[in-house]
Every structure is written in structure tokens, then in C-alpha cells.
Amino acid sequence: MSLKDQFDIEGLDSTLGYVGRAFTPTTSNAVIVDILEKLGAVVIAKTNLPQSIMVVFDTSIYGIRH
């Protein structure tokens, strides 16, 4: 499964769309990630989201989504 970028996954960045949070991997999983993995989920990707999770603006540090 994939999770949005706001969920911490150990060893991966959780930027919330902010450049300043890039290249800083988290050191632990979010509680929901641990629960999902315990239930058998396999996280294969994190998907990007607009800065601050603001849906009104449809851009992220990775570019504009069309």
C-alpha cells in the first residue's frame, strides 16, 4: 500500500510538502503505520501532497500536480 507523506515511516522523509523538512529521515513509525503493518500491510511507497496539506493549493516540493 502507499501512504501520504504526512505519515512517518522509519528511515524516510516526512516533509508535509516543505523543502526544509526534506532529507531528514524519521527515526520511528507513526502509530498507524505500526498498526497497518501488524495487520499485514506492506508499505511500498509514500505519495506527495501539497505544502501543509493545503488542498486549495495543488503544488508540492516535487512540482505541480496536473
PDB file of N, CA and C in Angstrom:
ATOM      1  N   MET A   1       0.838  -1.172   0.000  1.00  0.00           N
ATOM      2  CA  MET A   1       0.000   0.000   0.000  1.00  0.00           C
ATOM      3  C   MET A   1       0.884   1.235   0.000  1.00  0.00           C
ATOM      4  N   SER A   2       0.304   2.362  -0.343  1.00  0.00           N
ATOM      5  CA  SER A   2       1.028   3.631  -0.263  1.00  0.00           C
ATOM      6  C   SER A   2       0.373   4.501   0.807  1.00  0.00           C
ATOM      7  N   LEU A   3       1.186   5.355   1.396  1.00  0.00           N
ATOM      8  CA  LEU A   3       0.697   6.292   2.405  1.00  0.00           C
ATOM      9  C   LEU A   3       1.091   7.701   2.001  1.00  0.00           C
ATOM     10  N   LYS A   4       0.276   8.666   2.366  1.00  0.00           N
ATOM     11  CA  LYS A   4       0.619  10.058   2.113  1.00  0.00           C
ATOM     12  C   LYS A   4       1.829  10.455   2.955  1.00  0.00           C
ATOM     13  N   ASP A   5       2.486  11.518   2.519  1.00  0.00           N
ATOM     14  CA  ASP A   5       3.755  11.941   3.103  1.00  0.00           C
ATOM     15  C   ASP A   5       3.660  12.404   4.555  1.00  0.00           C
ATOM     16  N   GLN A   6       2.470  12.673   5.080  1.00  0.00           N
ATOM     17  CA  GLN A   6       2.389  13.144   6.464  1.00  0.00           C
ATOM     18  C   GLN A   6       2.580  12.025   7.481  1.00  0.00           C
ATOM     19  N   PHE A   7       2.550  10.768   7.056  1.00  0.00           N
ATOM     20  CA  PHE A   7       2.724   9.652   7.981  1.00  0.00           C
ATOM     21  C   PHE A   7       4.199   9.277   8.079  1.00  0.00           C
ATOM     22  N   ASP A   8       4.736   9.287   9.293  1.00  0.00           N
ATOM     23  CA  ASP A   8       6.147   8.933   9.490  1.00  0.00           C
ATOM     24  C   ASP A   8       6.364   7.443   9.244  1.00  0.00           C
ATOM     25  N   ILE A   9       7.364   7.149   8.421  1.00  0.00           N
ATOM     26  CA  ILE A   9       7.816   5.781   8.195  1.00  0.00           C
ATOM     27  C   ILE A   9       9.318   5.788   8.460  1.00  0.00           C
ATOM     28  N   GLU A  10       9.747   4.958   9.376  1.00  0.00           N
ATOM     29  CA  GLU A  10      11.147   4.942   9.797  1.00  0.00           C
ATOM     30  C   GLU A  10      12.084   4.884   8.591  1.00  0.00           C
ATOM     31  N   GLY A  11      13.036   5.807   8.574  1.00  0.00           N
ATOM     32  CA  GLY A  11      14.045   5.845   7.528  1.00  0.00           C
ATOM     33  C   GLY A  11      13.679   6.668   6.312  1.00  0.00           C
ATOM     34  N   LEU A  12      12.446   7.190   6.265  1.00  0.00           N
ATOM     35  CA  LEU A  12      12.013   8.002   5.133  1.00  0.00           C
ATOM     36  C   LEU A  12      11.665   9.421   5.589  1.00  0.00           C
ATOM     37  N   ASP A  13      11.763  10.369   4.661  1.00  0.00           N
ATOM     38  CA  ASP A  13      11.375  11.749   4.961  1.00  0.00           C
ATOM     39  C   ASP A  13       9.871  11.857   5.143  1.00  0.00           C
ATOM     40  N   SER A  14       9.447  12.779   5.986  1.00  0.00           N
ATOM     41  CA  SER A  14       8.043  13.179   6.107  1.00  0.00           C
ATOM     42  C   SER A  14       8.030  14.695   5.995  1.00  0.00           C
ATOM     43  N   THR A  15       7.909  15.189   4.773  1.00  0.00           N
ATOM     44  CA  THR A  15       8.115  16.618   4.528  1.00  0.00           C
ATOM     45  C   THR A  15       6.886  17.486   4.741  1.00  0.00           C
ATOM     46  N   LEU A  16       5.691  16.916   4.654  1.00  0.00           N
ATOM     47  CA  LEU A  16       4.455  17.709   4.663  1.00  0.00           C
ATOM     48  C   LEU A  16       4.483  18.759   3.560  1.00  0.00           C
ATOM     49  N   GLY A  17       5.283  18.516   2.527  1.00  0.00           N
ATOM     50  CA  GLY A  17       5.387  19.433   1.407  1.00  0.00           C
ATOM     51  C   GLY A  17       6.373  20.570   1.607  1.00  0.00           C
ATOM     52  N   TYR A  18       7.105  20.596   2.710  1.00  0.00           N
ATOM     53  CA  TYR A  18       8.070  21.666   2.989  1.00  0.00           C
ATOM     54  C   TYR A  18       9.484  21.257   2.600  1.00  0.00           C
ATOM     55  N   VAL A  19      10.148  22.116   1.848  1.00  0.00           N
ATOM     56  CA  VAL A  19      11.527  21.853   1.442  1.00  0.00           C
ATOM     57  C   VAL A  19      12.432  21.700   2.662  1.00  0.00           C
ATOM     58  N   GLY A  20      12.217  22.487   3.699  1.00  0.00           N
ATOM     59  CA  GLY A  20      13.053  22.443   4.896  1.00  0.00           C
ATOM     60  C   GLY A  20      13.011  21.116   5.636  1.00  0.00           C
ATOM     61  N   ARG A  21      12.000  20.307   5.371  1.00  0.00           N
ATOM     62  CA  ARG A  21      11.897  19.001   6.028  1.00  0.00           C
ATOM     63  C   ARG A  21      12.453  17.868   5.164  1.00  0.00           C
ATOM     64  N   ALA A  22      12.911  18.196   3.964  1.00  0.00           N
ATOM     65  CA  ALA A  22      13.460  17.181   3.067  1.00  0.00           C
ATOM     66  C   ALA A  22      14.826  16.713   3.566  1.00  0.00           C
ATOM     67  N   PHE A  23      15.162  15.490   3.218  1.00  0.00           N
ATOM     68  CA  PHE A  23      16.462  14.887   3.532  1.00  0.00           C
ATOM     69  C   PHE A  23      16.703  14.752   5.028  1.00  0.00           C
ATOM     70  N   THR A  24      15.625  14.546   5.783  1.00  0.00           N
ATOM     71  CA  THR A  24      15.710  14.312   7.218  1.00  0.00           C
ATOM     72  C   THR A  24      14.829  13.104   7.546  1.00  0.00           C
ATOM     73  N   PRO A  25      15.361  11.906   7.372  1.00  0.00           N
ATOM     74  CA  PRO A  25      14.545  10.709   7.609  1.00  0.00           C
ATOM     75  C   PRO A  25      14.069  10.611   9.058  1.00  0.00           C
ATOM     76  N   THR A  26      12.857  10.100   9.242  1.00  0.00           N
ATOM     77  CA  THR A  26      12.320   9.920  10.584  1.00  0.00           C
ATOM     78  C   THR A  26      12.956   8.695  11.241  1.00  0.00           C
ATOM     79  N   THR A  27      12.916   8.671  12.542  1.00  0.00           N
ATOM     80  CA  THR A  27      13.568   7.586  13.281  1.00  0.00           C
ATOM     81  C   THR A  27      12.579   6.546  13.800  1.00  0.00           C
ATOM     82  N   SER A  28      11.279   6.792  13.612  1.00  0.00           N
ATOM     83  CA  SER A  28      10.285   5.820  14.062  1.00  0.00           C
ATOM     84  C   SER A  28       9.030   5.920  13.204  1.00  0.00           C
ATOM     85  N   ASN A  29       8.210   4.896  13.268  1.00  0.00           N
ATOM     86  CA  ASN A  29       6.954   4.873  12.522  1.00  0.00           C
ATOM     87  C   ASN A  29       5.862   5.620  13.269  1.00  0.00           C
ATOM     88  N   ALA A  30       4.911   6.156  12.513  1.00  0.00           N
ATOM     89  CA  ALA A  30       3.681   6.669  13.105  1.00  0.00           C
ATOM     90  C   ALA A  30       2.904   5.468  13.643  1.00  0.00           C
ATOM     91  N   VAL A  31       2.084   5.694  14.648  1.00  0.00           N
ATOM     92  CA  VAL A  31       1.313   4.613  15.258  1.00  0.00           C
ATOM     93  C   VAL A  31       0.482   3.874  14.203  1.00  0.00           C
ATOM     94  N   ILE A  32      -0.141   4.618  13.294  1.00  0.00           N
ATOM     95  CA  ILE A  32      -0.982   3.987  12.277  1.00  0.00           C
ATOM     96  C   ILE A  32      -0.165   3.070  11.373  1.00  0.00           C
ATOM     97  N   VAL A  33       1.079   3.422  11.106  1.00  0.00           N
ATOM     98  CA  VAL A  33       1.943   2.571  10.277  1.00  0.00           C
ATOM     99  C   VAL A  33       2.217   1.258  11.002  1.00  0.00           C
ATOM    100  N   ASP A  34       2.526   1.329  12.279  1.00  0.00           N
ATOM    101  CA  ASP A  34       2.748   0.106  13.060  1.00  0.00           C
ATOM    102  C   ASP A  34       1.499  -0.775  13.072  1.00  0.00           C
ATOM    103  N   ILE A  35       0.335  -0.157  13.231  1.00  0.00           N
ATOM    104  CA  ILE A  35      -0.918  -0.919  13.251  1.00  0.00           C
ATOM    105  C   ILE A  35      -1.157  -1.593  11.902  1.00  0.00           C
ATOM    106  N   LEU A  36      -0.999  -0.837  10.825  1.00  0.00           N
ATOM    107  CA  LEU A  36      -1.217  -1.403   9.496  1.00  0.00           C
ATOM    108  C   LEU A  36      -0.255  -2.555   9.208  1.00  0.00           C
ATOM    109  N   GLU A  37       1.019  -2.389   9.577  1.00  0.00           N
ATOM    110  CA  GLU A  37       1.986  -3.458   9.352  1.00  0.00           C
ATOM    111  C   GLU A  37       1.667  -4.685  10.198  1.00  0.00           C
ATOM    112  N   LYS A  38       1.200  -4.469  11.415  1.00  0.00           N
ATOM    113  CA  LYS A  38       0.817  -5.590  12.277  1.00  0.00           C
ATOM    114  C   LYS A  38      -0.350  -6.372  11.670  1.00  0.00           C
ATOM    115  N   LEU A  39      -1.214  -5.666  10.934  1.00  0.00           N
ATOM    116  CA  LEU A  39      -2.352  -6.294  10.274  1.00  0.00           C
ATOM    117  C   LEU A  39      -1.981  -6.925   8.931  1.00  0.00           C
ATOM    118  N   GLY A  40      -0.708  -6.807   8.539  1.00  0.00           N
ATOM    119  CA  GLY A  40      -0.251  -7.449   7.317  1.00  0.00           C
ATOM    120  C   GLY A  40       0.008  -6.540   6.136  1.00  0.00           C
ATOM    121  N   ALA A  41      -0.199  -5.252   6.301  1.00  0.00           N
ATOM    122  CA  ALA A  41       0.041  -4.320   5.192  1.00  0.00           C
ATOM    123  C   ALA A  41       1.535  -4.210   4.908  1.00  0.00           C
ATOM    124  N   VAL A  42       1.849  -4.005   3.651  1.00  0.00           N
ATOM    125  CA  VAL A  42       3.228  -3.770   3.233  1.00  0.00           C
ATOM    126  C   VAL A  42       3.260  -2.403   2.562  1.00  0.00           C
ATOM    127  N   VAL A  43       3.965  -1.464   3.163  1.00  0.00           N
ATOM    128  CA  VAL A  43       4.060  -0.113   2.610  1.00  0.00           C
ATOM    129  C   VAL A  43       5.146  -0.124   1.538  1.00  0.00           C
ATOM    130  N   ILE A  44       4.759   0.224   0.307  1.00  0.00           N
ATOM    131  CA  ILE A  44       5.722   0.208  -0.792  1.00  0.00           C
ATOM    132  C   ILE A  44       6.066   1.607  -1.307  1.00  0.00           C
ATOM    133  N   ALA A  45       5.298   2.615  -0.865  1.00  0.00           N
ATOM    134  CA  ALA A  45       5.554   3.963  -1.363  1.00  0.00           C
ATOM    135  C   ALA A  45       4.918   5.005  -0.457  1.00  0.00           C
ATOM    136  N   LYS A  46       5.489   6.208  -0.522  1.00  0.00           N
ATOM    137  CA  LYS A  46       4.869   7.389   0.086  1.00  0.00           C
ATOM    138  C   LYS A  46       4.506   8.310  -1.058  1.00  0.00           C
ATOM    139  N   THR A  47       3.309   8.891  -0.991  1.00  0.00           N
ATOM    140  CA  THR A  47       2.876   9.791  -2.054  1.00  0.00           C
ATOM    141  C   THR A  47       2.963  11.230  -1.580  1.00  0.00           C
ATOM    142  N   ASN A  48       3.236  12.130  -2.531  1.00  0.00           N
ATOM    143  CA  ASN A  48       3.416  13.527  -2.156  1.00  0.00           C
ATOM    144  C   ASN A  48       2.078  14.204  -1.905  1.00  0.00           C
ATOM    145  N   LEU A  49       2.137  15.391  -1.349  1.00  0.00           N
ATOM    146  CA  LEU A  49       0.943  16.165  -1.054  1.00  0.00           C
ATOM    147  C   LEU A  49       1.284  17.638  -1.085  1.00  0.00           C
ATOM    148  N   PRO A  50       0.270  18.495  -1.193  1.00  0.00           N
ATOM    149  CA  PRO A  50       0.527  19.932  -1.218  1.00  0.00           C
ATOM    150  C   PRO A  50       1.148  20.404   0.103  1.00  0.00           C
ATOM    151  N   GLN A  51       1.894  21.495   0.033  1.00  0.00           N
ATOM    152  CA  GLN A  51       2.537  22.043   1.220  1.00  0.00           C
ATOM    153  C   GLN A  51       1.519  22.262   2.325  1.00  0.00           C
ATOM    154  N   SER A  52       1.848  21.828   3.523  1.00  0.00           N
ATOM    155  CA  SER A  52       0.996  21.938   4.712  1.00  0.00           C
ATOM    156  C   SER A  52      -0.312  21.172   4.587  1.00  0.00           C
ATOM    157  N   ILE A  53      -0.395  20.291   3.607  1.00  0.00           N
ATOM    158  CA  ILE A  53      -1.599  19.524   3.324  1.00  0.00           C
ATOM    159  C   ILE A  53      -2.760  20.459   2.953  1.00  0.00           C
ATOM    160  N   MET A  54      -2.439  21.608   2.369  1.00  0.00           N
ATOM    161  CA  MET A  54      -3.459  22.579   1.979  1.00  0.00           C
ATOM    162  C   MET A  54      -3.979  22.208   0.586  1.00  0.00           C
ATOM    163  N   VAL A  55      -5.176  21.688   0.524  1.00  0.00           N
ATOM    164  CA  VAL A  55      -5.757  21.199  -0.714  1.00  0.00           C
ATOM    165  C   VAL A  55      -6.039  22.335  -1.695  1.00  0.00           C
ATOM    166  N   VAL A  56      -6.254  23.533  -1.206  1.00  0.00           N
ATOM    167  CA  VAL A  56      -6.563  24.668  -2.075  1.00  0.00           C
ATOM    168  C   VAL A  56      -5.437  24.912  -3.073  1.00  0.00           C
ATOM    169  N   PHE A  57      -4.217  24.739  -2.628  1.00  0.00           N
ATOM    170  CA  PHE A  57      -3.057  24.924  -3.491  1.00  0.00           C
ATOM    171  C   PHE A  57      -2.555  23.556  -3.906  1.00  0.00           C
ATOM    172  N   ASP A  58      -2.434  23.330  -5.199  1.00  0.00           N
ATOM    173  CA  ASP A  58      -2.137  21.997  -5.693  1.00  0.00           C
ATOM    174  C   ASP A  58      -0.697  21.868  -6.167  1.00  0.00           C
ATOM    175  N   THR A  59       0.255  22.268  -5.320  1.00  0.00           N
ATOM    176  CA  THR A  59       1.666  22.107  -5.641  1.00  0.00           C
ATOM    177  C   THR A  59       2.357  21.421  -4.474  1.00  0.00           C
ATOM    178  N   SER A  60       3.515  20.886  -4.738  1.00  0.00           N
ATOM    179  CA  SER A  60       4.333  20.294  -3.684  1.00  0.00           C
ATOM    180  C   SER A  60       5.787  20.593  -3.999  1.00  0.00           C
ATOM    181  N   ILE A  61       6.680  20.161  -3.130  1.00  0.00           N
ATOM    182  CA  ILE A  61       8.103  20.411  -3.389  1.00  0.00           C
ATOM    183  C   ILE A  61       8.585  19.612  -4.596  1.00  0.00           C
ATOM    184  N   TYR A  62       7.766  18.671  -5.067  1.00  0.00           N
ATOM    185  CA  TYR A  62       8.126  17.852  -6.217  1.00  0.00           C
ATOM    186  C   TYR A  62       7.521  18.374  -7.508  1.00  0.00           C
ATOM    187  N   GLY A  63       6.774  19.470  -7.457  1.00  0.00           N
ATOM    188  CA  GLY A  63       6.204  20.066  -8.657  1.00  0.00           C
ATOM    189  C   GLY A  63       4.698  20.205  -8.582  1.00  0.00           C
ATOM    190  N   ILE A  64       4.134  20.721  -9.658  1.00  0.00           N
ATOM    191  CA  ILE A  64       2.702  20.939  -9.742  1.00  0.00           C
ATOM    192  C   ILE A  64       2.011  19.666 -10.233  1.00  0.00           C
ATOM    193  N   ARG A  65       0.942  19.301  -9.569  1.00  0.00           N
ATOM    194  CA  ARG A  65       0.173  18.122  -9.974  1.00  0.00           C
ATOM    195  C   ARG A  65      -0.884  18.576 -10.973  1.00  0.00           C
ATOM    196  N   HIS A  66      -1.008  17.879 -12.065  1.00  0.00           N
ATOM    197  CA  HIS A  66      -1.980  18.233 -13.118  1.00  0.00           C
ATOM    198  C   HIS A  66      -3.211  17.384 -12.995  1.00  0.00           C
TER     199      HIS A  66
END
